[in-house]
Amino acid sequence: MRLRRVIRRGSRSRRCKKPLTLDTGLDLAAQYFIRSFLHLTEWWLAPPDAQAHGPERMGEIYAELILRPTLAAALRASVTRPPADTGSG
């Protein structure tokens, strides 16, 4: 399938340029996010399950399996919370 070739080619070129390390958390999350989205879309469009779920349901599946976990991991790694307002000022 053409999508698989594109993903493989992109993976190879990515590996050649800069290997992922544990200290590239946001980069790793972005890679996971993109690849997961592409694989889920490929699964949805491929027989025998081709579009077994409607677009709305696929949006829910996408949010549950990919979007929420990726955002949670990215935010946990990169956002520090401001100090709580104690109301004394």
Protein backbone atom coordinates (compact mmCIF):
# COMPACT_ATOMS: atom_id res chain seq x y z
CA MET A 1 0.00 0.00 0.00
CA ARG A 2 1.31 3.45 -0.87
CA LEU A 3 0.83 4.88 2.63
CA ARG A 4 3.07 2.19 4.12
CA ARG A 5 5.83 3.03 1.64
CA VAL A 6 5.59 6.72 2.54
CA ILE A 7 5.77 5.92 6.25
CA ARG A 8 8.74 3.58 5.79
CA ARG A 9 10.57 6.11 3.65
CA GLY A 10 9.94 8.85 6.20
CA SER A 11 11.10 6.60 9.02
CA ARG A 12 14.34 5.78 7.24
CA SER A 13 15.11 9.41 6.44
CA ARG A 14 14.28 10.39 10.03
CA ARG A 15 16.64 7.77 11.44
CA CYS A 16 19.45 8.95 9.21
CA LYS A 17 19.18 12.59 10.24
CA LYS A 18 18.83 12.41 14.01
CA PRO A 19 18.16 9.39 16.18
CA LEU A 20 15.49 9.85 18.82
CA THR A 21 16.70 9.92 22.39
CA LEU A 22 14.83 9.96 25.67
CA ASP A 23 15.53 13.66 26.14
CA THR A 24 13.53 14.54 23.01
CA GLY A 25 10.17 13.94 24.66
CA LEU A 26 8.12 16.31 22.53
CA ASP A 27 9.74 15.05 19.35
CA LEU A 28 8.99 11.49 20.38
CA ALA A 29 5.37 12.40 21.18
CA ALA A 30 5.03 14.07 17.78
CA GLN A 31 6.39 10.98 16.01
CA TYR A 32 4.02 8.74 17.96
CA PHE A 33 1.08 11.04 17.27
CA ILE A 34 1.67 11.20 13.51
CA ARG A 35 2.42 7.52 13.01
CA SER A 36 -0.52 6.41 15.15
CA PHE A 37 -2.86 8.67 13.22
CA LEU A 38 -1.61 7.34 9.88
CA HIS A 39 -1.85 3.71 10.97
CA LEU A 40 -5.35 4.18 12.37
CA THR A 41 -6.46 5.86 9.14
CA GLU A 42 -4.87 3.11 7.08
CA TRP A 43 -6.67 0.45 9.15
CA TRP A 44 -9.97 2.27 8.77
CA LEU A 45 -9.66 2.46 4.99
CA ALA A 46 -8.28 -1.04 4.37
CA PRO A 47 -10.46 -4.08 3.61
CA PRO A 48 -12.05 -6.11 5.15
CA ASP A 49 -12.86 -3.50 7.82
CA ALA A 50 -13.01 -0.62 5.35
CA GLN A 51 -14.96 2.09 7.09
CA ALA A 52 -16.68 -0.33 9.44
CA HIS A 53 -17.11 2.68 11.72
CA GLY A 54 -18.49 6.03 10.64
CA PRO A 55 -16.40 9.21 10.68
CA GLU A 56 -17.86 10.34 14.02
CA ARG A 57 -16.97 7.05 15.72
CA MET A 58 -13.49 7.15 14.21
CA GLY A 59 -13.08 10.63 15.68
CA GLU A 60 -13.95 9.21 19.10
CA ILE A 61 -11.54 6.29 18.65
CA TYR A 62 -8.83 8.69 17.50
CA ALA A 63 -9.34 10.94 20.52
CA GLU A 64 -9.37 8.03 22.96
CA LEU A 65 -6.41 6.06 21.58
CA ILE A 66 -4.15 8.79 20.22
CA LEU A 67 -5.01 12.38 21.06
CA ARG A 68 -5.65 12.21 24.81
CA PRO A 69 -2.65 10.02 25.72
CA THR A 70 -0.29 12.00 23.50
CA LEU A 71 -1.42 15.36 24.87
CA ALA A 72 -1.22 14.07 28.42
CA ALA A 73 2.33 12.81 27.91
CA ALA A 74 3.46 15.96 26.10
CA LEU A 75 1.95 18.31 28.66
CA ARG A 76 3.26 16.32 31.60
CA ALA A 77 6.76 16.48 30.14
CA SER A 78 6.84 20.11 29.09
CA VAL A 79 4.49 22.20 31.20
CA THR A 80 5.20 23.30 34.72
CA ARG A 81 2.28 24.51 36.73
CA PRO A 82 2.36 28.01 38.18
CA PRO A 83 2.31 28.26 41.97
CA ALA A 84 -1.18 28.04 43.44
CA ASP A 85 -2.79 31.36 44.30
CA THR A 86 -3.09 31.45 48.07
CA GLY A 87 -5.39 34.46 48.01
CA SER A 88 -3.11 36.50 50.27
CA GLY A 89 -2.30 39.26 47.95
